[in-house]
PDB file of all heavy atoms in Angstrom:
ATOM      1  N   PHE A   1     -35.633 -53.667  42.806  1.00  0.00           N
ATOM      2  CA  PHE A   1     -35.441 -52.792  41.659  1.00  0.00           C
ATOM      3  C   PHE A   1     -34.009 -52.504  41.531  1.00  0.00           C
ATOM      4  O   PHE A   1     -33.098 -52.533  42.541  1.00  0.00           O
ATOM      5  CB  PHE A   1     -36.200 -51.478  41.751  1.00  0.00           C
ATOM      6  CG  PHE A   1     -35.884 -50.625  43.079  1.00  0.00           C
ATOM      7  CD1 PHE A   1     -35.000 -49.701  43.009  1.00  0.00           C
ATOM      8  CD2 PHE A   1     -36.571 -50.908  44.130  1.00  0.00           C
ATOM      9  CE1 PHE A   1     -34.626 -48.943  44.190  1.00  0.00           C
ATOM     10  CE2 PHE A   1     -36.235 -50.156  45.432  1.00  0.00           C
ATOM     11  CZ  PHE A   1     -35.336 -49.115  45.422  1.00  0.00           C
ATOM     12  N   SER A   2     -33.427 -52.185  40.281  1.00  0.00           N
ATOM     13  CA  SER A   2     -32.085 -51.720  40.130  1.00  0.00           C
ATOM     14  C   SER A   2     -31.913 -50.288  39.743  1.00  0.00           C
ATOM     15  O   SER A   2     -33.134 -49.630  39.710  1.00  0.00           O
ATOM     16  CB  SER A   2     -31.490 -52.516  38.911  1.00  0.00           C
ATOM     17  OG  SER A   2     -32.073 -52.120  37.653  1.00  0.00           O
ATOM     18  N   VAL A   3     -30.913 -49.771  39.639  1.00  0.00           N
ATOM     19  CA  VAL A   3     -30.677 -48.373  39.317  1.00  0.00           C
ATOM     20  C   VAL A   3     -31.259 -48.040  37.852  1.00  0.00           C
ATOM     21  O   VAL A   3     -31.489 -46.887  37.543  1.00  0.00           O
ATOM     22  CB  VAL A   3     -29.246 -47.900  39.499  1.00  0.00           C
ATOM     23  CG1 VAL A   3     -28.452 -48.415  38.391  1.00  0.00           C
ATOM     24  CG2 VAL A   3     -29.163 -46.379  39.634  1.00  0.00           C
ATOM     25  N   LYS A   4     -31.416 -49.114  37.069  1.00  0.00           N
ATOM     26  CA  LYS A   4     -31.903 -48.933  35.756  1.00  0.00           C
ATOM     27  C   LYS A   4     -33.374 -48.711  35.633  1.00  0.00           C
ATOM     28  O   LYS A   4     -33.905 -48.023  34.595  1.00  0.00           O
ATOM     29  CB  LYS A   4     -31.649 -50.187  34.873  1.00  0.00           C
ATOM     30  CG  LYS A   4     -30.070 -50.199  34.405  1.00  0.00           C
ATOM     31  CD  LYS A   4     -29.969 -51.508  33.386  1.00  0.00           C
ATOM     32  CE  LYS A   4     -28.711 -51.484  32.801  1.00  0.00           C
ATOM     33  NZ  LYS A   4     -28.594 -52.722  31.783  1.00  0.00           N
ATOM     34  N   VAL A   5     -34.146 -49.050  36.631  1.00  0.00           N
ATOM     35  CA  VAL A   5     -35.633 -49.113  36.530  1.00  0.00           C
ATOM     36  C   VAL A   5     -36.081 -47.675  36.418  1.00  0.00           C
ATOM     37  O   VAL A   5     -35.686 -46.731  37.220  1.00  0.00           O
ATOM     38  CB  VAL A   5     -36.214 -49.782  37.755  1.00  0.00           C
ATOM     39  CG1 VAL A   5     -37.784 -49.643  37.875  1.00  0.00           C
ATOM     40  CG2 VAL A   5     -35.880 -51.301  37.862  1.00  0.00           C
ATOM     41  N   GLY A   6     -36.945 -47.476  35.409  1.00  0.00           N
ATOM     42  CA  GLY A   6     -37.602 -46.152  35.281  1.00  0.00           C
ATOM     43  C   GLY A   6     -36.630 -45.242  34.494  1.00  0.00           C
ATOM     44  O   GLY A   6     -36.943 -44.032  34.434  1.00  0.00           O
ATOM     45  N   THR A   7     -35.529 -45.693  33.838  1.00  0.00           N
ATOM     46  CA  THR A   7     -34.733 -44.896  33.148  1.00  0.00           C
ATOM     47  C   THR A   7     -34.610 -45.285  31.699  1.00  0.00           C
ATOM     48  O   THR A   7     -35.261 -46.321  31.362  1.00  0.00           O
ATOM     49  CB  THR A   7     -33.262 -44.841  33.622  1.00  0.00           C
ATOM     50  OG1 THR A   7     -32.645 -46.123  33.433  1.00  0.00           O
ATOM     51  CG2 THR A   7     -33.259 -44.678  35.114  1.00  0.00           C
ATOM     52  N   ILE A   8     -33.983 -44.592  30.839  1.00  0.00           N
ATOM     53  CA  ILE A   8     -33.810 -45.006  29.457  1.00  0.00           C
ATOM     54  C   ILE A   8     -33.020 -46.387  29.271  1.00  0.00           C
ATOM     55  O   ILE A   8     -32.851 -46.955  28.225  1.00  0.00           O
ATOM     56  CB  ILE A   8     -33.125 -43.872  28.599  1.00  0.00           C
ATOM     57  CG1 ILE A   8     -31.772 -43.585  29.123  1.00  0.00           C
ATOM     58  CG2 ILE A   8     -34.030 -42.618  28.632  1.00  0.00           C
ATOM     59  CD1 ILE A   8     -30.899 -42.669  28.302  1.00  0.00           C
ATOM     60  N   PHE A   9     -32.275 -46.814  30.360  1.00  0.00           N
ATOM     61  CA  PHE A   9     -31.530 -48.091  30.378  1.00  0.00           C
ATOM     62  C   PHE A   9     -32.304 -49.227  30.759  1.00  0.00           C
ATOM     63  O   PHE A   9     -31.875 -50.417  30.588  1.00  0.00           O
ATOM     64  CB  PHE A   9     -30.335 -47.853  31.302  1.00  0.00           C
ATOM     65  CG  PHE A   9     -29.581 -46.624  31.306  1.00  0.00           C
ATOM     66  CD1 PHE A   9     -29.335 -45.872  32.406  1.00  0.00           C
ATOM     67  CD2 PHE A   9     -29.088 -46.047  30.067  1.00  0.00           C
ATOM     68  CE1 PHE A   9     -28.804 -44.721  32.363  1.00  0.00           C
ATOM     69  CE2 PHE A   9     -28.478 -44.884  30.036  1.00  0.00           C
ATOM     70  CZ  PHE A   9     -28.281 -44.137  31.231  1.00  0.00           C
ATOM     71  N   GLU A  10     -33.658 -49.073  31.080  1.00  0.00           N
ATOM     72  CA  GLU A  10     -34.336 -50.133  31.812  1.00  0.00           C
ATOM     73  C   GLU A  10     -34.517 -51.316  30.971  1.00  0.00           C
ATOM     74  O   GLU A  10     -34.223 -52.489  31.423  1.00  0.00           O
ATOM     75  CB  GLU A  10     -35.635 -49.647  32.198  1.00  0.00           C
ATOM     76  CG  GLU A  10     -36.547 -50.817  32.819  1.00  0.00           C
ATOM     77  CD  GLU A  10     -37.823 -50.174  33.439  1.00  0.00           C
ATOM     78  OE1 GLU A  10     -38.135 -48.943  33.194  1.00  0.00           O
ATOM     79  OE2 GLU A  10     -38.521 -50.914  34.043  1.00  0.00           O
ATOM     80  N   ASP A  11     -34.942 -51.354  29.789  1.00  0.00           N
ATOM     81  CA  ASP A  11     -35.233 -52.433  28.943  1.00  0.00           C
ATOM     82  C   ASP A  11     -34.039 -52.975  27.967  1.00  0.00           C
ATOM     83  O   ASP A  11     -34.260 -53.401  26.962  1.00  0.00           O
ATOM     84  CB  ASP A  11     -36.497 -52.253  28.015  1.00  0.00           C
ATOM     85  CG  ASP A  11     -36.491 -50.971  27.285  1.00  0.00           C
ATOM     86  OD1 ASP A  11     -35.429 -50.281  27.398  1.00  0.00           O
ATOM     87  OD2 ASP A  11     -37.413 -50.816  26.457  1.00  0.00           O
ATOM     88  N   SER A  12     -32.799 -52.561  28.419  1.00  0.00           N
ATOM     89  CA  SER A  12     -31.702 -52.927  27.603  1.00  0.00           C
ATOM     90  C   SER A  12     -30.751 -53.915  28.470  1.00  0.00           C
ATOM     91  O   SER A  12     -30.473 -53.829  29.728  1.00  0.00           O
ATOM     92  CB  SER A  12     -30.844 -51.763  27.373  1.00  0.00           C
ATOM     93  OG  SER A  12     -29.538 -52.045  26.775  1.00  0.00           O
ATOM     94  N   ALA A  13     -30.297 -55.008  27.753  1.00  0.00           N
ATOM     95  CA  ALA A  13     -29.324 -55.925  28.541  1.00  0.00           C
ATOM     96  C   ALA A  13     -27.970 -55.451  28.411  1.00  0.00           C
ATOM     97  O   ALA A  13     -27.081 -56.084  29.107  1.00  0.00           O
ATOM     98  CB  ALA A  13     -29.338 -57.239  27.619  1.00  0.00           C
ATOM     99  N   LEU A  14     -27.664 -54.283  27.873  1.00  0.00           N
ATOM    100  CA  LEU A  14     -26.315 -53.799  27.833  1.00  0.00           C
ATOM    101  C   LEU A  14     -25.956 -53.276  29.268  1.00  0.00           C
ATOM    102  O   LEU A  14     -26.816 -52.591  29.917  1.00  0.00           O
ATOM    103  CB  LEU A  14     -26.219 -52.629  26.818  1.00  0.00           C
ATOM    104  CG  LEU A  14     -26.251 -52.998  25.440  1.00  0.00           C
ATOM    105  CD1 LEU A  14     -26.425 -51.690  24.445  1.00  0.00           C
ATOM    106  CD2 LEU A  14     -24.968 -53.842  24.923  1.00  0.00           C
ATOM    107  N   PRO A  15     -24.687 -53.574  29.747  1.00  0.00           N
ATOM    108  CA  PRO A  15     -24.298 -53.015  31.001  1.00  0.00           C
ATOM    109  C   PRO A  15     -24.200 -51.552  31.023  1.00  0.00           C
ATOM    110  O   PRO A  15     -23.963 -50.867  30.038  1.00  0.00           O
ATOM    111  CB  PRO A  15     -22.977 -53.732  31.284  1.00  0.00           C
ATOM    112  CG  PRO A  15     -22.540 -54.070  29.881  1.00  0.00           C
ATOM    113  CD  PRO A  15     -23.632 -54.319  28.975  1.00  0.00           C
ATOM    114  N   LEU A  16     -24.285 -51.006  32.384  1.00  0.00           N
ATOM    115  CA  LEU A  16     -24.215 -49.575  32.467  1.00  0.00           C
ATOM    116  C   LEU A  16     -22.903 -49.069  32.051  1.00  0.00           C
ATOM    117  O   LEU A  16     -22.812 -47.953  31.658  1.00  0.00           O
ATOM    118  CB  LEU A  16     -24.437 -49.291  34.061  1.00  0.00           C
ATOM    119  CG  LEU A  16     -25.861 -48.979  34.461  1.00  0.00           C
ATOM    120  CD1 LEU A  16     -25.783 -48.690  35.949  1.00  0.00           C
ATOM    121  CD2 LEU A  16     -26.449 -47.706  33.703  1.00  0.00           C
ATOM    122  N   GLY A  17     -21.831 -49.808  32.196  1.00  0.00           N
ATOM    123  CA  GLY A  17     -20.491 -49.392  31.768  1.00  0.00           C
ATOM    124  C   GLY A  17     -20.495 -48.927  30.377  1.00  0.00           C
ATOM    125  O   GLY A  17     -19.913 -47.837  29.984  1.00  0.00           O
ATOM    126  N   LYS A  18     -21.102 -49.723  29.495  1.00  0.00           N
ATOM    127  CA  LYS A  18     -21.223 -49.352  28.023  1.00  0.00           C
ATOM    128  C   LYS A  18     -21.976 -48.184  27.799  1.00  0.00           C
ATOM    129  O   LYS A  18     -21.667 -47.216  26.876  1.00  0.00           O
ATOM    130  CB  LYS A  18     -21.513 -50.486  27.157  1.00  0.00           C
ATOM    131  CG  LYS A  18     -20.577 -51.692  27.191  1.00  0.00           C
ATOM    132  CD  LYS A  18     -20.964 -52.676  26.190  1.00  0.00           C
ATOM    133  CE  LYS A  18     -19.960 -53.827  26.256  1.00  0.00           C
ATOM    134  NZ  LYS A  18     -18.596 -53.445  25.672  1.00  0.00           N
ATOM    135  N   TRP A  19     -23.206 -48.108  28.448  1.00  0.00           N
ATOM    136  CA  TRP A  19     -24.071 -46.937  28.357  1.00  0.00           C
ATOM    137  C   TRP A  19     -23.310 -45.579  28.781  1.00  0.00           C
ATOM    138  O   TRP A  19     -23.493 -44.520  28.085  1.00  0.00           O
ATOM    139  CB  TRP A  19     -25.262 -47.106  29.265  1.00  0.00           C
ATOM    140  CG  TRP A  19     -26.443 -47.877  28.665  1.00  0.00           C
ATOM    141  CD1 TRP A  19     -26.768 -49.213  28.854  1.00  0.00           C
ATOM    142  CD2 TRP A  19     -27.370 -47.445  27.642  1.00  0.00           C
ATOM    143  NE1 TRP A  19     -27.875 -49.529  28.034  1.00  0.00           N
ATOM    144  CE2 TRP A  19     -28.195 -48.442  27.266  1.00  0.00           C
ATOM    145  CE3 TRP A  19     -27.509 -46.254  26.987  1.00  0.00           C
ATOM    146  CZ2 TRP A  19     -29.257 -48.384  26.341  1.00  0.00           C
ATOM    147  CZ3 TRP A  19     -28.537 -46.074  26.046  1.00  0.00           C
ATOM    148  CH2 TRP A  19     -29.448 -47.115  25.703  1.00  0.00           C
ATOM    149  N   LEU A  20     -22.739 -45.698  29.833  1.00  0.00           N
ATOM    150  CA  LEU A  20     -22.090 -44.368  30.404  1.00  0.00           C
ATOM    151  C   LEU A  20     -20.980 -43.896  29.581  1.00  0.00           C
ATOM    152  O   LEU A  20     -20.723 -42.748  29.366  1.00  0.00           O
ATOM    153  CB  LEU A  20     -21.711 -44.714  31.938  1.00  0.00           C
ATOM    154  CG  LEU A  20     -22.855 -44.818  32.788  1.00  0.00           C
ATOM    155  CD1 LEU A  20     -22.379 -45.113  34.281  1.00  0.00           C
ATOM    156  CD2 LEU A  20     -23.888 -43.740  32.774  1.00  0.00           C
ATOM    157  N   VAL A  21     -20.146 -44.897  29.006  1.00  0.00           N
ATOM    158  CA  VAL A  21     -19.033 -44.477  28.134  1.00  0.00           C
ATOM    159  C   VAL A  21     -19.556 -43.881  26.852  1.00  0.00           C
ATOM    160  O   VAL A  21     -19.187 -42.907  26.296  1.00  0.00           O
ATOM    161  CB  VAL A  21     -18.126 -45.734  27.820  1.00  0.00           C
ATOM    162  CG1 VAL A  21     -17.102 -45.271  26.677  1.00  0.00           C
ATOM    163  CG2 VAL A  21     -17.421 -46.133  28.982  1.00  0.00           C
ATOM    164  N   ALA A  22     -20.782 -44.542  26.309  1.00  0.00           N
ATOM    165  CA  ALA A  22     -21.350 -43.989  25.160  1.00  0.00           C
ATOM    166  C   ALA A  22     -21.952 -42.570  25.460  1.00  0.00           C
ATOM    167  O   ALA A  22     -21.800 -41.564  24.512  1.00  0.00           O
ATOM    168  CB  ALA A  22     -22.569 -44.917  24.787  1.00  0.00           C
ATOM    169  N   MET A  23     -22.471 -42.313  26.623  1.00  0.00           N
ATOM    170  CA  MET A  23     -22.888 -41.015  26.879  1.00  0.00           C
ATOM    171  C   MET A  23     -21.798 -40.006  26.982  1.00  0.00           C
ATOM    172  O   MET A  23     -21.867 -38.899  26.605  1.00  0.00           O
ATOM    173  CB  MET A  23     -23.688 -40.965  28.244  1.00  0.00           C
ATOM    174  CG  MET A  23     -24.999 -41.649  28.143  1.00  0.00           C
ATOM    175  SD  MET A  23     -25.817 -41.755  29.699  1.00  0.00           S
ATOM    176  CE  MET A  23     -26.480 -40.128  29.915  1.00  0.00           C
ATOM    177  N   TRP A  24     -20.730 -40.376  27.538  1.00  0.00           N
ATOM    178  CA  TRP A  24     -19.411 -39.623  27.626  1.00  0.00           C
ATOM    179  C   TRP A  24     -18.995 -39.215  26.157  1.00  0.00           C
ATOM    180  O   TRP A  24     -18.690 -37.968  25.852  1.00  0.00           O
ATOM    181  CB  TRP A  24     -18.330 -40.330  28.272  1.00  0.00           C
ATOM    182  CG  TRP A  24     -17.169 -39.439  28.675  1.00  0.00           C
ATOM    183  CD1 TRP A  24     -16.820 -38.803  29.804  1.00  0.00           C
ATOM    184  CD2 TRP A  24     -16.019 -39.125  27.717  1.00  0.00           C
ATOM    185  NE1 TRP A  24     -15.781 -38.133  29.686  1.00  0.00           N
ATOM    186  CE2 TRP A  24     -15.171 -38.171  28.486  1.00  0.00           C
ATOM    187  CE3 TRP A  24     -15.745 -39.478  26.384  1.00  0.00           C
ATOM    188  CZ2 TRP A  24     -14.087 -37.707  27.787  1.00  0.00           C
ATOM    189  CZ3 TRP A  24     -14.485 -39.003  25.818  1.00  0.00           C
ATOM    190  CH2 TRP A  24     -13.683 -38.096  26.550  1.00  0.00           C
ATOM    191  N   LEU A  25     -19.047 -40.150  25.160  1.00  0.00           N
ATOM    192  CA  LEU A  25     -18.604 -39.845  23.868  1.00  0.00           C
ATOM    193  C   LEU A  25     -19.589 -38.852  23.278  1.00  0.00           C
ATOM    194  O   LEU A  25     -19.148 -37.940  22.547  1.00  0.00           O
ATOM    195  CB  LEU A  25     -18.567 -41.162  23.067  1.00  0.00           C
ATOM    196  CG  LEU A  25     -17.429 -42.013  23.277  1.00  0.00           C
ATOM    197  CD1 LEU A  25     -17.735 -43.491  22.728  1.00  0.00           C
ATOM    198  CD2 LEU A  25     -16.072 -41.624  22.828  1.00  0.00           C
TER     199      LEU A  25
END
């Protein structure tokens, strides 16, 4: 398993870097 499993990021091909910057914005 990865850190994405069981989270809102799980079924997305976008890297965590983009997700976390989007959350910061």
